[in-house]
Protein backbone atom coordinates (compact mmCIF):
# COMPACT_ATOMS: atom_id res chain seq x y z
CA MET A 1 -22.67 67.39 60.78
CA LYS A 2 -20.62 65.32 58.37
CA ASN A 3 -21.57 61.71 57.80
CA PRO A 4 -19.28 59.02 59.25
CA ASP A 5 -16.49 57.70 57.06
CA TRP A 6 -17.33 54.71 54.93
CA ASN A 7 -16.80 51.44 56.79
CA ARG A 8 -15.30 48.20 55.51
CA ASN A 9 -18.57 46.59 54.42
CA GLU A 10 -19.68 49.70 52.53
CA LEU A 11 -16.36 49.91 50.69
CA ILE A 12 -16.51 46.23 49.76
CA LEU A 13 -19.95 46.73 48.22
CA ALA A 14 -18.71 49.81 46.38
CA LEU A 15 -15.60 48.06 45.05
CA ASN A 16 -17.67 45.11 43.86
CA LEU A 17 -19.87 47.53 41.93
CA TYR A 18 -16.79 49.34 40.60
CA PHE A 19 -15.49 46.19 38.94
CA SER A 20 -18.87 45.49 37.33
CA LEU A 21 -19.02 48.86 35.54
CA SER A 22 -17.10 50.46 32.75
CA PHE A 23 -15.48 53.82 33.47
CA GLY A 24 -18.19 55.62 31.48
CA GLN A 25 -20.98 54.18 33.64
CA MET A 26 -19.92 55.62 37.00
CA ASP A 27 -22.34 58.51 37.30
CA GLY A 28 -25.51 59.08 39.28
CA LYS A 29 -27.79 58.22 36.36
CA ASN A 30 -26.71 54.58 36.46
CA PRO A 31 -29.47 52.48 38.09
CA ASP A 32 -26.88 50.21 39.72
CA ILE A 33 -25.43 53.20 41.56
CA LYS A 34 -28.92 54.18 42.69
CA LYS A 35 -29.49 50.61 43.92
CA LEU A 36 -26.29 50.64 45.96
CA SER A 37 -27.17 54.04 47.42
CA ASN A 38 -30.52 52.66 48.54
CA LEU A 39 -28.97 49.47 49.95
CA LEU A 40 -26.37 51.41 51.96
CA SER A 41 -29.05 53.77 53.24
CA LEU A 42 -31.09 50.79 54.44
CA SER A 43 -28.05 49.43 56.25
CA ASN A 44 -27.62 52.74 58.10
CA LEU A 45 -31.25 53.37 59.04
CA ASN A 46 -30.66 52.87 62.75
CA SER A 47 -27.55 55.09 62.68
CA GLY A 48 -29.44 58.14 61.47
CA PHE A 49 -27.77 58.77 58.11
CA SER A 50 -27.84 57.66 54.49
CA ARG A 51 -25.48 57.37 51.53
CA SER A 52 -26.65 59.54 48.66
CA ILE A 53 -26.32 58.67 44.99
CA SER A 54 -23.68 61.36 44.59
CA SER A 55 -21.63 59.96 47.48
CA VAL A 56 -21.61 56.52 45.85
CA SER A 57 -20.46 58.03 42.54
CA LEU A 58 -17.68 59.89 44.34
CA LYS A 59 -16.55 56.73 46.10
CA LEU A 60 -16.26 54.93 42.76
CA ALA A 61 -14.18 57.85 41.53
CA ASN A 62 -11.90 57.35 44.54
CA PHE A 63 -11.31 53.77 43.45
CA LYS A 64 -10.63 54.98 39.92
CA ARG A 65 -7.78 57.02 41.36
CA ILE A 66 -6.24 53.84 42.81
CA ASP A 67 -6.86 51.66 39.75
CA PRO A 68 -3.58 51.35 37.79
CA ILE A 69 -5.36 50.63 34.51
CA SER A 70 -7.51 53.74 34.68
CA SER A 71 -6.44 56.52 32.35
CA SER A 72 -8.34 59.00 34.53
CA LYS A 73 -6.93 60.50 37.69
CA GLY A 74 -10.28 60.04 39.43
CA MET A 75 -10.95 61.91 42.66
CA THR A 76 -8.01 63.16 44.68
CA GLY A 77 -9.66 62.33 48.01
CA GLY A 78 -10.07 58.99 49.70
CA GLY A 79 -8.58 57.30 52.72
CA LYS A 80 -6.28 54.51 53.78
CA LEU A 81 -9.11 51.99 54.17
CA GLU A 82 -9.99 52.32 50.48
CA LYS A 83 -6.43 51.40 49.53
CA ASP A 84 -6.48 48.49 51.98
CA ILE A 85 -9.72 47.15 50.49
CA TRP A 86 -8.32 47.59 46.99
CA ASN A 87 -5.11 45.74 47.84
CA GLU A 88 -7.05 42.95 49.51
CA PHE A 89 -9.58 42.27 46.77
CA SER A 90 -8.45 43.76 43.45
CA GLY A 91 -6.79 40.48 42.50
CA LYS A 92 -9.54 38.31 44.00
CA ARG A 93 -12.69 39.33 42.17
CA ASP A 94 -14.59 36.08 42.84
CA GLN A 95 -13.88 36.30 46.55
CA LEU A 96 -14.90 39.96 46.54
CA LYS A 97 -18.24 39.08 44.94
CA ASP A 98 -18.89 36.34 47.50
CA VAL A 99 -18.15 38.68 50.40
CA ALA A 100 -20.28 41.45 48.88
CA ASP A 101 -23.18 39.02 48.34
CA THR A 102 -22.97 37.97 51.99
CA ILE A 103 -23.00 41.60 53.17
CA LYS A 104 -26.03 42.37 51.02
CA LYS A 105 -27.81 39.27 52.29
CA ASP A 106 -27.19 40.34 55.89
CA ILE A 107 -28.61 43.82 55.20
CA LEU A 108 -31.78 42.38 53.67
CA GLU A 109 -32.14 39.83 56.47
CA SER A 110 -32.05 42.72 58.91
CA ARG A 111 -34.76 44.45 56.87
CA LYS A 112 -36.79 41.24 56.94
CA ARG A 113 -36.51 41.07 60.74
CA MET A 114 -37.77 44.65 60.98
CA PHE A 115 -40.82 43.67 58.89
CA ILE A 116 -41.46 40.66 61.12
CA GLN A 117 -41.25 42.79 64.26
CA TRP A 118 -43.68 45.28 62.74
CA LEU A 119 -46.14 42.48 61.91
CA GLU A 120 -45.85 41.08 65.42
CA GLY A 121 -46.73 44.42 66.96
CA GLY A 122 -49.24 45.56 64.35
CA LEU A 123 -52.81 44.84 63.33
CA LYS A 124 -54.41 43.80 60.07
CA PRO A 125 -56.82 46.24 58.36
CA ASP A 126 -59.73 44.44 60.08
CA GLY A 127 -58.22 45.22 63.49
CA THR A 128 -57.12 41.66 64.32
CA SER A 129 -53.56 40.52 65.04
CA TYR A 130 -51.41 38.62 62.55
CA GLN A 131 -51.07 34.91 63.34
CA ARG A 132 -47.55 33.60 63.91
CA ASN A 133 -47.53 31.37 60.81
CA THR A 134 -48.91 34.22 58.68
CA ILE A 135 -46.12 36.53 59.82
CA GLN A 136 -43.38 34.12 58.72
CA THR A 137 -45.19 33.33 55.46
CA TYR A 138 -45.56 37.01 54.58
CA ALA A 139 -41.91 37.71 55.43
CA ASN A 140 -40.74 34.92 53.12
CA GLN A 141 -43.12 35.86 50.32
CA VAL A 142 -41.90 39.46 50.32
CA ASP A 143 -38.34 38.17 50.30
CA ASN A 144 -38.41 35.83 47.32
CA THR A 145 -41.86 34.98 45.97
CA ILE A 146 -43.86 38.03 44.90
CA PHE A 147 -41.56 39.24 42.11
CA SER A 148 -41.13 35.75 40.64
CA GLU A 149 -44.81 34.76 40.82
CA PHE A 150 -45.94 37.91 38.99
CA ALA A 151 -42.92 37.92 36.63
CA ILE A 152 -41.89 41.40 37.74
CA ASN A 153 -38.37 42.16 36.57
CA LYS A 154 -36.49 44.09 39.23
CA GLN A 155 -32.97 43.11 38.10
CA ASP A 156 -32.19 40.76 41.01
CA ARG A 157 -33.53 43.19 43.60
CA SER A 158 -35.39 41.99 46.64
CA LEU A 159 -38.69 43.64 47.47
CA TYR A 160 -37.05 44.53 50.79
CA GLU A 161 -34.86 46.93 48.82
CA VAL A 162 -37.89 48.84 47.52
CA THR A 163 -38.93 51.64 49.87
CA ASN A 164 -40.06 54.32 47.41
CA ILE A 165 -43.82 54.83 47.70
CA GLU A 166 -44.37 55.62 44.02
CA GLU A 167 -42.43 52.51 42.95
CA LEU A 168 -44.51 50.41 45.33
CA GLU A 169 -47.69 51.87 43.83
CA VAL A 170 -46.54 50.76 40.37
CA ILE A 171 -45.78 47.27 41.69
CA SER A 172 -49.21 47.16 43.32
CA MET A 173 -50.85 47.74 39.94
CA GLU A 174 -48.69 45.04 38.33
CA LEU A 175 -49.93 42.54 40.92
CA HIS A 176 -53.42 42.83 39.43
CA ILE A 177 -52.35 41.95 35.88
CA GLY A 178 -53.01 38.45 34.50
CA GLU A 179 -55.00 35.49 35.75
CA ASP A 180 -56.10 35.47 39.37
CA ASN A 181 -56.21 32.67 41.92
CA LYS A 182 -56.02 32.14 45.68
CA ARG A 183 -52.22 32.01 45.70
CA ARG A 184 -51.99 35.36 43.98
CA LYS A 185 -54.55 36.88 46.33
CA ASP A 186 -52.48 35.66 49.29
CA LEU A 187 -49.35 37.18 47.77
CA ARG A 188 -51.15 40.49 47.27
CA SER A 189 -52.11 40.40 50.95
CA ALA A 190 -48.45 39.93 51.86
CA PHE A 191 -47.50 42.83 49.59
CA GLN A 192 -50.14 45.12 51.05
CA SER A 193 -48.84 44.34 54.54
CA TYR A 194 -45.34 45.26 53.39
CA PHE A 195 -46.70 48.44 51.81
CA ARG A 196 -48.33 49.41 55.12
CA PHE A 197 -45.04 48.62 56.87
CA ILE A 198 -43.26 51.11 54.58
CA LEU A 199 -45.97 53.74 55.08
CA ASN A 200 -45.78 53.35 58.84
CA THR A 201 -42.00 53.38 59.06
CA THR A 202 -41.37 56.08 56.45
CA ASP A 203 -41.10 59.75 57.33
CA GLN A 204 -44.66 60.93 56.69
CA GLU A 205 -43.36 64.26 55.39
CA ILE A 206 -43.96 62.55 52.09
CA GLU A 207 -47.41 64.15 52.32
CA THR A 208 -45.84 67.60 52.35
CA ASP A 209 -43.63 66.59 49.45
CA GLN A 210 -46.80 65.84 47.52
CA PHE A 211 -47.90 69.44 48.12
CA GLN A 212 -44.52 70.84 47.11
CA LYS A 213 -44.26 68.82 43.92
CA ASP A 214 -46.80 71.08 42.24
CA GLU A 215 -44.20 73.85 42.53
CA GLU A 216 -40.94 71.92 42.32
CA GLY A 217 -41.59 69.33 39.63
CA GLU A 218 -43.26 69.01 36.28
CA SER A 219 -46.71 67.46 36.15
CA ARG A 220 -48.99 66.57 33.29
CA THR A 221 -52.76 65.97 33.27
CA GLU A 222 -55.24 66.30 36.11
CA GLY A 223 -57.60 63.77 37.65
CA GLY A 224 -55.47 60.74 36.79
CA ARG A 225 -51.98 59.64 37.76
CA LYS A 226 -49.47 62.47 37.58
CA VAL A 227 -45.99 62.10 36.17
CA TYR A 228 -43.50 64.10 38.23
CA ILE A 229 -39.98 64.98 37.23
CA SER A 230 -38.24 66.14 40.39
CA SER A 231 -35.48 65.43 42.86
CA LYS A 232 -36.49 64.53 46.42
CA PRO A 233 -34.06 64.27 49.37
CA GLU A 234 -33.86 60.93 51.14
CA ARG A 235 -35.38 60.72 54.63
CA ASP A 236 -34.71 58.36 57.51
CA PRO A 237 -37.81 56.68 59.04
CA ALA A 238 -35.90 55.81 62.22
CA LEU A 239 -35.34 59.52 62.88
CA ARG A 240 -39.06 60.18 62.57
CA LYS A 241 -39.82 57.55 65.20
CA ARG A 242 -37.25 58.95 67.59
CA ALA A 243 -38.45 62.53 67.04
CA ILE A 244 -42.04 61.61 67.88
CA LYS A 245 -40.91 59.73 70.98
CA GLN A 246 -38.89 62.75 72.12
CA HIS A 247 -41.24 65.58 71.11
CA GLY A 248 -44.63 63.90 71.52
CA THR A 249 -47.65 64.17 69.22
CA THR A 250 -48.85 67.71 69.97
CA CYS A 251 -48.09 70.36 67.36
CA LYS A 252 -45.30 72.66 68.57
CA ALA A 253 -46.83 75.63 66.77
CA CYS A 254 -50.57 75.56 67.51
CA ASN A 255 -50.87 72.79 70.16
CA PHE A 256 -53.24 70.75 67.99
CA ASN A 257 -53.39 67.06 68.91
CA PHE A 258 -54.99 64.58 66.50
CA GLY A 259 -55.91 62.16 69.30
CA GLU A 260 -57.83 64.81 71.21
CA ILE A 261 -59.93 65.68 68.15
CA TYR A 262 -60.27 62.34 66.38
CA GLY A 263 -59.98 59.95 69.31
CA ASP A 264 -58.37 56.54 68.75
CA TRP A 265 -58.27 57.14 64.99
CA GLY A 266 -55.93 60.10 65.44
CA ASN A 267 -53.90 58.85 68.40
CA GLY A 268 -50.16 58.85 67.74
CA TYR A 269 -50.36 60.75 64.46
CA ILE A 270 -48.23 63.84 63.84
CA GLU A 271 -45.91 65.08 61.11
CA VAL A 272 -42.18 65.63 61.57
CA HIS A 273 -40.50 68.76 60.25
CA HIS A 274 -36.81 69.34 59.53
CA LEU A 275 -35.82 72.74 60.97
CA THR A 276 -33.25 73.01 58.18
CA PRO A 277 -34.81 71.67 54.93
CA LEU A 278 -32.97 68.69 53.45
CA GLY A 279 -33.02 70.39 50.07
CA ASP A 280 -30.80 73.17 51.44
CA ASN A 281 -27.92 70.76 51.98
CA GLU A 282 -25.40 71.23 49.18
CA THR A 283 -23.54 67.98 49.89
CA GLY A 284 -26.64 65.83 49.48
CA GLU A 285 -26.37 64.19 52.91
CA ARG A 286 -25.89 65.19 56.53
CA MET A 287 -26.24 63.99 60.08
CA THR A 288 -29.59 64.82 61.67
CA ASN A 289 -30.22 64.91 65.40
CA SER A 290 -33.82 63.96 66.18
CA LEU A 291 -33.93 66.11 69.32
CA ASN A 292 -32.32 69.29 68.02
CA ASP A 293 -32.96 69.23 64.25
CA LEU A 294 -36.57 67.99 64.12
CA ILE A 295 -39.89 69.18 65.55
CA VAL A 296 -43.45 67.88 65.32
CA LEU A 297 -46.17 69.86 63.53
CA CYS A 298 -49.79 69.20 62.61
CA ALA A 299 -50.55 68.86 58.90
CA ASN A 300 -51.87 72.43 58.62
CA CYS A 301 -48.88 74.06 60.29
CA HIS A 302 -46.50 71.88 58.30
CA ARG A 303 -48.14 72.97 55.08
CA MET A 304 -47.90 76.64 56.11
CA VAL A 305 -44.19 76.32 56.94
CA HIS A 306 -43.51 75.25 53.33
CA ARG A 307 -46.24 77.26 51.61
CA ARG A 308 -43.95 79.61 49.68
CA LYS A 309 -41.36 78.19 47.35
CA GLY A 310 -37.86 78.92 48.57
CA ILE A 311 -39.08 80.06 52.01
CA THR A 312 -39.22 77.88 55.11
CA LEU A 313 -40.67 79.57 58.17
CA SER A 314 -38.98 79.03 61.51
CA LEU A 315 -41.09 77.81 64.41
CA GLU A 316 -41.08 81.27 65.98
CA GLU A 317 -42.11 82.91 62.70
CA LEU A 318 -45.00 80.49 62.37
CA LYS A 319 -46.12 81.14 65.96
CA GLN A 320 -46.02 84.88 65.32
CA LYS A 321 -48.30 84.52 62.30
CA ILE A 322 -50.74 82.36 64.28
CA ASN A 323 -50.92 84.87 67.10
CA ARG A 324 -51.09 87.87 64.81
CA ALA A 325 -54.10 86.33 63.05
CA ALA A 326 -55.81 85.15 66.24
CA TYR A 327 -55.01 87.90 68.73
CA GLY A 328 -53.42 90.71 66.81
CA ARG A 329 -50.12 90.25 68.68
CA GLU A 330 -46.75 88.64 67.99
CA GLU A 331 -46.07 86.72 71.20
CA LEU A 332 -47.74 83.75 72.85
């Protein structure tokens, strides 16, 4: 299903970025385009879709078509709302920036509230609850203290904009550089809580991606940190939550349940599988229905579904293989 049309706030953010770039900088390699893609995806988490890097680049090309000083024709697509936003703000750049800054602030405040709610309902590694004052302190430290205290240059990004696990791992290592004191230890505790928040609210198919990277990306060295050069589709953590709520935590292929085997330690754990792999989507983004497009699988079955490069087994195909191996027959 096609993603919804861009709304007013999204177009304002895109136009503000458009005016900050030269015409030669409007491609997907530009880090500012990647940042906007991530920000827009965060804003749409609860709606079940994201804005890919390519879609942001295309939207800038739509504005190029409208821009009278552009020598390029830009993209031929686009809608009436784009022209309305252009006419409203093209001659008011300062006002545009103020409005865009407010929209971004609102998105990050929403992200901050999600973190607070997670802390309120979660437990610390020692199994105890977070105290009320600790929750607010951690939320504020993630917002505006950690990067500045450790002199980490993220080009005016908030830590709430960082959701990539590998990037968070790099930041975690940077937090252990330099002199240490109680304040820095407290800030690391806040960061680790945020890291756990991301791990718990991110589609855990990231584990399967780790398996697939050996085939899909380039890696160098063994035993230490690997450097991967690959392209990974964006996933929506809200969809994962809804899928588990709708499908439960018992594997749809082999009926394995982590809670039954591992007790409390395994309760609630399961992996979520896209029936149509995200990498098969030529447009780079699509609407996903958690009830019809996702199923739950145990880690073993999920690995088997993706075992062969370029082949994704259907649920029925996987069940047939299980039964053929166990009973010598094709049907349950």
